[in-house]
Amino acid sequence: MEKYDYREFGHEYELYFDTDYNETLYITDAGRSWGSEKVNLRDKVDSKYNFKFNSTADIISAVEKEKLPDKIIINVHPEHWAESSLEWFVILIKRKIRNFAKVIYLKLRNF
């Protein structure tokens, strides 16, 4: 995106660049959870909001209690979801290995 202007290709709005995240809460399930800041390398935004969600139930509870702002983006990754316990476990193991590699990469990068 540094080399090209997406507007030149007919796009009027780009979610990450054109959203004011001090007016919009950004929630993502990157890293297979709602609170995975340690292994989340890309799905991050600068924002005044600092909500910590450990589960979908936490998000639902915050909505029901009207604790969230009016504007919210929820970024989900269905490839993290599973239809059986075995499939969930296989995805979990793959992600754990990948996330461990990310943590090592981050440590080496900041070394």
N, C-alpha and C. Protein backbone atom coordinates (compact mmCIF):
# COMPACT_ATOMS: atom_id res chain seq x y z
N MET A 1 0.81 -1.19 0.00
CA MET A 1 0.00 0.00 0.00
C MET A 1 0.86 1.26 0.00
N GLU A 2 2.14 1.10 0.28
CA GLU A 2 3.03 2.27 0.24
C GLU A 2 3.33 2.69 -1.19
N LYS A 3 3.27 1.74 -2.11
CA LYS A 3 3.64 2.02 -3.50
C LYS A 3 2.44 2.49 -4.34
N TYR A 4 1.25 1.99 -4.03
CA TYR A 4 0.07 2.28 -4.84
C TYR A 4 -0.99 2.99 -4.01
N ASP A 5 -1.81 3.76 -4.68
CA ASP A 5 -2.96 4.40 -4.04
C ASP A 5 -4.19 3.61 -4.44
N TYR A 6 -4.83 2.96 -3.47
CA TYR A 6 -6.00 2.12 -3.77
C TYR A 6 -7.12 2.90 -4.44
N ARG A 7 -7.17 4.20 -4.25
CA ARG A 7 -8.21 5.02 -4.90
C ARG A 7 -8.05 5.03 -6.42
N GLU A 8 -6.81 4.88 -6.88
CA GLU A 8 -6.56 4.84 -8.32
C GLU A 8 -7.19 3.60 -8.96
N PHE A 9 -7.54 2.60 -8.16
CA PHE A 9 -8.12 1.36 -8.67
C PHE A 9 -9.63 1.30 -8.42
N GLY A 10 -10.22 2.46 -8.10
CA GLY A 10 -11.66 2.53 -7.94
C GLY A 10 -12.17 2.27 -6.54
N HIS A 11 -11.28 2.05 -5.59
CA HIS A 11 -11.72 1.83 -4.21
C HIS A 11 -11.85 3.17 -3.50
N GLU A 12 -12.96 3.37 -2.83
CA GLU A 12 -13.20 4.63 -2.15
C GLU A 12 -12.77 4.60 -0.69
N TYR A 13 -12.67 3.42 -0.10
CA TYR A 13 -12.43 3.31 1.33
C TYR A 13 -11.59 2.08 1.60
N GLU A 14 -10.61 2.22 2.47
CA GLU A 14 -9.79 1.09 2.90
C GLU A 14 -9.91 1.01 4.41
N LEU A 15 -10.37 -0.13 4.91
CA LEU A 15 -10.73 -0.29 6.31
C LEU A 15 -9.61 0.11 7.27
N TYR A 16 -8.40 -0.35 7.02
CA TYR A 16 -7.32 -0.10 7.97
C TYR A 16 -6.81 1.34 7.89
N PHE A 17 -6.80 1.93 6.72
CA PHE A 17 -6.25 3.27 6.55
C PHE A 17 -7.25 4.39 6.79
N ASP A 18 -8.50 4.17 6.49
CA ASP A 18 -9.49 5.25 6.50
C ASP A 18 -10.41 5.24 7.72
N THR A 19 -10.25 4.30 8.61
CA THR A 19 -11.09 4.24 9.81
C THR A 19 -10.39 4.97 10.95
N ASP A 20 -11.13 5.80 11.66
CA ASP A 20 -10.61 6.44 12.85
C ASP A 20 -10.83 5.48 14.02
N TYR A 21 -9.76 4.81 14.45
CA TYR A 21 -9.89 3.81 15.50
C TYR A 21 -10.00 4.41 16.90
N ASN A 22 -9.98 5.73 17.00
CA ASN A 22 -10.32 6.36 18.27
C ASN A 22 -11.82 6.61 18.36
N GLU A 23 -12.53 6.33 17.26
CA GLU A 23 -13.99 6.38 17.26
C GLU A 23 -14.60 5.00 17.03
N THR A 24 -13.76 4.04 16.63
CA THR A 24 -14.24 2.71 16.27
C THR A 24 -13.44 1.66 17.03
N LEU A 25 -14.14 0.81 17.77
CA LEU A 25 -13.49 -0.29 18.48
C LEU A 25 -13.17 -1.40 17.50
N TYR A 26 -11.95 -1.89 17.52
CA TYR A 26 -11.52 -2.98 16.64
C TYR A 26 -11.31 -4.23 17.48
N ILE A 27 -12.04 -5.29 17.14
CA ILE A 27 -11.94 -6.57 17.84
C ILE A 27 -11.57 -7.63 16.81
N THR A 28 -10.59 -8.47 17.12
CA THR A 28 -10.20 -9.53 16.20
C THR A 28 -9.96 -10.83 16.95
N ASP A 29 -10.20 -11.94 16.26
CA ASP A 29 -9.92 -13.25 16.82
C ASP A 29 -8.58 -13.79 16.33
N ALA A 30 -7.72 -12.90 15.83
CA ALA A 30 -6.40 -13.32 15.37
C ALA A 30 -5.66 -14.01 16.51
N GLY A 31 -4.99 -15.11 16.21
CA GLY A 31 -4.30 -15.87 17.24
C GLY A 31 -5.22 -16.83 17.97
N ARG A 32 -6.40 -17.10 17.39
CA ARG A 32 -7.39 -18.04 17.92
C ARG A 32 -8.02 -17.61 19.23
N SER A 33 -7.97 -16.33 19.54
CA SER A 33 -8.66 -15.85 20.72
C SER A 33 -8.91 -14.36 20.57
N TRP A 34 -9.73 -13.82 21.44
CA TRP A 34 -10.04 -12.40 21.39
C TRP A 34 -8.95 -11.56 22.05
N GLY A 35 -8.08 -12.17 22.82
CA GLY A 35 -7.04 -11.41 23.53
C GLY A 35 -5.66 -11.99 23.30
N SER A 36 -5.18 -11.94 22.08
CA SER A 36 -3.90 -12.58 21.76
C SER A 36 -2.85 -11.58 21.31
N GLU A 37 -2.67 -10.53 22.08
CA GLU A 37 -1.74 -9.47 21.69
C GLU A 37 -0.31 -9.97 21.52
N LYS A 38 0.08 -10.99 22.29
CA LYS A 38 1.47 -11.47 22.25
C LYS A 38 1.86 -12.06 20.89
N VAL A 39 0.93 -12.72 20.22
CA VAL A 39 1.26 -13.39 18.96
C VAL A 39 0.62 -12.76 17.74
N ASN A 40 -0.13 -11.72 17.96
CA ASN A 40 -0.81 -11.04 16.86
C ASN A 40 0.14 -10.01 16.24
N LEU A 41 0.69 -10.34 15.08
CA LEU A 41 1.67 -9.46 14.44
C LEU A 41 1.04 -8.41 13.55
N ARG A 42 -0.09 -8.72 12.91
CA ARG A 42 -0.63 -7.82 11.90
C ARG A 42 -1.95 -7.19 12.25
N ASP A 43 -2.82 -7.90 12.91
CA ASP A 43 -4.17 -7.38 13.18
C ASP A 43 -4.16 -6.47 14.40
N LYS A 44 -3.52 -5.31 14.24
CA LYS A 44 -3.43 -4.34 15.32
C LYS A 44 -3.76 -2.97 14.78
N VAL A 45 -4.35 -2.15 15.62
CA VAL A 45 -4.63 -0.76 15.26
C VAL A 45 -4.28 0.12 16.46
N ASP A 46 -3.95 1.37 16.19
CA ASP A 46 -3.76 2.35 17.25
C ASP A 46 -5.12 2.88 17.64
N SER A 47 -5.42 2.81 18.94
CA SER A 47 -6.76 3.19 19.39
C SER A 47 -6.72 3.64 20.84
N LYS A 48 -7.67 4.46 21.21
CA LYS A 48 -7.80 4.85 22.61
C LYS A 48 -8.49 3.76 23.43
N TYR A 49 -9.14 2.82 22.75
CA TYR A 49 -9.86 1.76 23.45
C TYR A 49 -8.90 0.67 23.92
N ASN A 50 -9.18 0.14 25.11
CA ASN A 50 -8.32 -0.89 25.68
C ASN A 50 -9.17 -1.98 26.33
N PHE A 51 -10.11 -2.51 25.58
CA PHE A 51 -10.95 -3.59 26.08
C PHE A 51 -10.17 -4.90 26.04
N LYS A 52 -10.36 -5.74 27.04
CA LYS A 52 -9.75 -7.07 27.08
C LYS A 52 -10.88 -8.10 27.11
N PHE A 53 -10.98 -8.88 26.03
CA PHE A 53 -12.00 -9.92 25.96
C PHE A 53 -11.31 -11.28 25.96
N ASN A 54 -11.78 -12.18 26.81
CA ASN A 54 -11.24 -13.53 26.86
C ASN A 54 -12.13 -14.54 26.15
N SER A 55 -13.35 -14.13 25.88
CA SER A 55 -14.29 -15.06 25.23
C SER A 55 -15.35 -14.27 24.49
N THR A 56 -16.06 -14.98 23.64
CA THR A 56 -17.19 -14.38 22.94
C THR A 56 -18.24 -13.92 23.95
N ALA A 57 -18.39 -14.68 25.03
CA ALA A 57 -19.34 -14.31 26.07
C ALA A 57 -18.99 -12.96 26.68
N ASP A 58 -17.70 -12.65 26.81
CA ASP A 58 -17.28 -11.34 27.32
C ASP A 58 -17.74 -10.22 26.40
N ILE A 59 -17.63 -10.44 25.10
CA ILE A 59 -18.05 -9.43 24.13
C ILE A 59 -19.57 -9.24 24.21
N ILE A 60 -20.29 -10.35 24.24
CA ILE A 60 -21.75 -10.29 24.32
C ILE A 60 -22.18 -9.56 25.60
N SER A 61 -21.52 -9.86 26.70
CA SER A 61 -21.84 -9.21 27.97
C SER A 61 -21.61 -7.70 27.89
N ALA A 62 -20.49 -7.30 27.28
CA ALA A 62 -20.21 -5.86 27.14
C ALA A 62 -21.25 -5.18 26.26
N VAL A 63 -21.72 -5.87 25.22
CA VAL A 63 -22.78 -5.32 24.36
C VAL A 63 -24.07 -5.17 25.16
N GLU A 64 -24.44 -6.21 25.89
CA GLU A 64 -25.67 -6.18 26.67
C GLU A 64 -25.65 -5.09 27.74
N LYS A 65 -24.47 -4.85 28.31
CA LYS A 65 -24.33 -3.83 29.36
C LYS A 65 -24.08 -2.43 28.78
N GLU A 66 -24.09 -2.37 27.43
CA GLU A 66 -23.89 -1.10 26.71
C GLU A 66 -22.59 -0.41 27.10
N LYS A 67 -21.52 -1.21 27.22
CA LYS A 67 -20.20 -0.67 27.58
C LYS A 67 -19.34 -0.35 26.36
N LEU A 68 -19.79 -0.75 25.19
CA LEU A 68 -18.99 -0.59 23.99
C LEU A 68 -19.39 0.68 23.23
N PRO A 69 -18.46 1.20 22.42
CA PRO A 69 -18.80 2.38 21.61
C PRO A 69 -19.81 2.04 20.53
N ASP A 70 -20.33 3.07 19.88
CA ASP A 70 -21.33 2.87 18.83
C ASP A 70 -20.76 2.21 17.59
N LYS A 71 -19.49 2.46 17.30
CA LYS A 71 -18.86 1.91 16.10
C LYS A 71 -17.89 0.78 16.50
N ILE A 72 -18.09 -0.39 15.89
CA ILE A 72 -17.27 -1.55 16.19
C ILE A 72 -16.96 -2.29 14.89
N ILE A 73 -15.73 -2.73 14.76
CA ILE A 73 -15.34 -3.64 13.69
C ILE A 73 -14.94 -4.95 14.37
N ILE A 74 -15.56 -6.04 13.95
CA ILE A 74 -15.18 -7.36 14.45
C ILE A 74 -14.58 -8.13 13.28
N ASN A 75 -13.28 -8.39 13.37
CA ASN A 75 -12.55 -9.09 12.32
C ASN A 75 -12.38 -10.55 12.74
N VAL A 76 -13.00 -11.45 11.99
CA VAL A 76 -12.96 -12.87 12.35
C VAL A 76 -12.24 -13.67 11.27
N HIS A 77 -11.70 -14.79 11.70
CA HIS A 77 -10.95 -15.69 10.82
C HIS A 77 -11.57 -17.08 10.91
N PRO A 78 -12.55 -17.38 10.05
CA PRO A 78 -13.25 -18.67 10.13
C PRO A 78 -12.33 -19.89 9.99
N GLU A 79 -11.14 -19.70 9.41
CA GLU A 79 -10.22 -20.83 9.29
C GLU A 79 -9.74 -21.30 10.66
N HIS A 80 -10.00 -20.53 11.71
CA HIS A 80 -9.64 -20.92 13.07
C HIS A 80 -10.74 -21.77 13.71
N TRP A 81 -11.90 -21.79 13.11
CA TRP A 81 -13.04 -22.46 13.70
C TRP A 81 -13.05 -23.93 13.30
N ALA A 82 -13.74 -24.76 14.06
CA ALA A 82 -13.79 -26.19 13.77
C ALA A 82 -15.20 -26.72 14.03
N GLU A 83 -15.49 -27.83 13.35
CA GLU A 83 -16.80 -28.46 13.53
C GLU A 83 -16.75 -29.68 14.44
N SER A 84 -15.56 -30.14 14.77
CA SER A 84 -15.43 -31.29 15.67
C SER A 84 -14.29 -31.04 16.63
N SER A 85 -14.27 -31.79 17.71
CA SER A 85 -13.20 -31.64 18.71
C SER A 85 -11.85 -32.01 18.12
N LEU A 86 -11.81 -33.04 17.29
CA LEU A 86 -10.55 -33.46 16.68
C LEU A 86 -10.02 -32.37 15.74
N GLU A 87 -10.89 -31.84 14.91
CA GLU A 87 -10.48 -30.76 14.00
C GLU A 87 -10.00 -29.55 14.79
N TRP A 88 -10.70 -29.20 15.87
CA TRP A 88 -10.30 -28.08 16.71
C TRP A 88 -8.92 -28.33 17.30
N PHE A 89 -8.67 -29.55 17.75
CA PHE A 89 -7.37 -29.88 18.35
C PHE A 89 -6.24 -29.79 17.32
N VAL A 90 -6.48 -30.28 16.11
CA VAL A 90 -5.46 -30.21 15.05
C VAL A 90 -5.14 -28.75 14.72
N ILE A 91 -6.18 -27.94 14.59
CA ILE A 91 -5.97 -26.52 14.32
C ILE A 91 -5.21 -25.88 15.49
N LEU A 92 -5.57 -26.25 16.70
CA LEU A 92 -4.91 -25.71 17.89
C LEU A 92 -3.41 -26.02 17.87
N ILE A 93 -3.05 -27.25 17.60
CA ILE A 93 -1.63 -27.65 17.58
C ILE A 93 -0.89 -26.88 16.50
N LYS A 94 -1.46 -26.78 15.31
CA LYS A 94 -0.81 -26.03 14.23
C LYS A 94 -0.61 -24.57 14.63
N ARG A 95 -1.63 -23.97 15.21
CA ARG A 95 -1.53 -22.56 15.61
C ARG A 95 -0.54 -22.37 16.75
N LYS A 96 -0.50 -23.32 17.71
CA LYS A 96 0.46 -23.21 18.82
C LYS A 96 1.89 -23.21 18.28
N ILE A 97 2.16 -24.09 17.33
CA ILE A 97 3.50 -24.14 16.73
C ILE A 97 3.78 -22.83 16.01
N ARG A 98 2.83 -22.37 15.23
CA ARG A 98 3.01 -21.12 14.49
C ARG A 98 3.18 -19.93 15.44
N ASN A 99 2.37 -19.86 16.49
CA ASN A 99 2.46 -18.75 17.43
C ASN A 99 3.76 -18.77 18.21
N PHE A 100 4.25 -19.96 18.54
CA PHE A 100 5.55 -20.07 19.21
C PHE A 100 6.64 -19.52 18.30
N ALA A 101 6.56 -19.85 17.02
CA ALA A 101 7.54 -19.33 16.06
C ALA A 101 7.44 -17.81 15.97
N LYS A 102 6.24 -17.26 16.03
CA LYS A 102 6.07 -15.80 15.99
C LYS A 102 6.72 -15.14 17.20
N VAL A 103 6.54 -15.74 18.39
CA VAL A 103 7.12 -15.18 19.60
C VAL A 103 8.65 -15.18 19.49
N ILE A 104 9.21 -16.26 19.00
CA ILE A 104 10.67 -16.34 18.81
C ILE A 104 11.11 -15.28 17.81
N TYR A 105 10.38 -15.16 16.71
CA TYR A 105 10.70 -14.16 15.70
C TYR A 105 10.70 -12.75 16.30
N LEU A 106 9.67 -12.44 17.09
CA LEU A 106 9.58 -11.11 17.70
C LEU A 106 10.75 -10.84 18.64
N LYS A 107 11.12 -11.86 19.41
CA LYS A 107 12.25 -11.70 20.32
C LYS A 107 13.55 -11.47 19.56
N LEU A 108 13.73 -12.23 18.49
CA LEU A 108 14.96 -12.07 17.69
C LEU A 108 14.97 -10.74 16.96
N ARG A 109 13.82 -10.31 16.48
CA ARG A 109 13.71 -9.05 15.77
C ARG A 109 14.04 -7.87 16.67
N ASN A 110 13.65 -7.96 17.92
CA ASN A 110 13.90 -6.87 18.88
C ASN A 110 15.23 -7.00 19.59
N PHE A 111 15.98 -8.04 19.28
CA PHE A 111 17.27 -8.29 19.93
C PHE A 111 18.36 -7.36 19.44
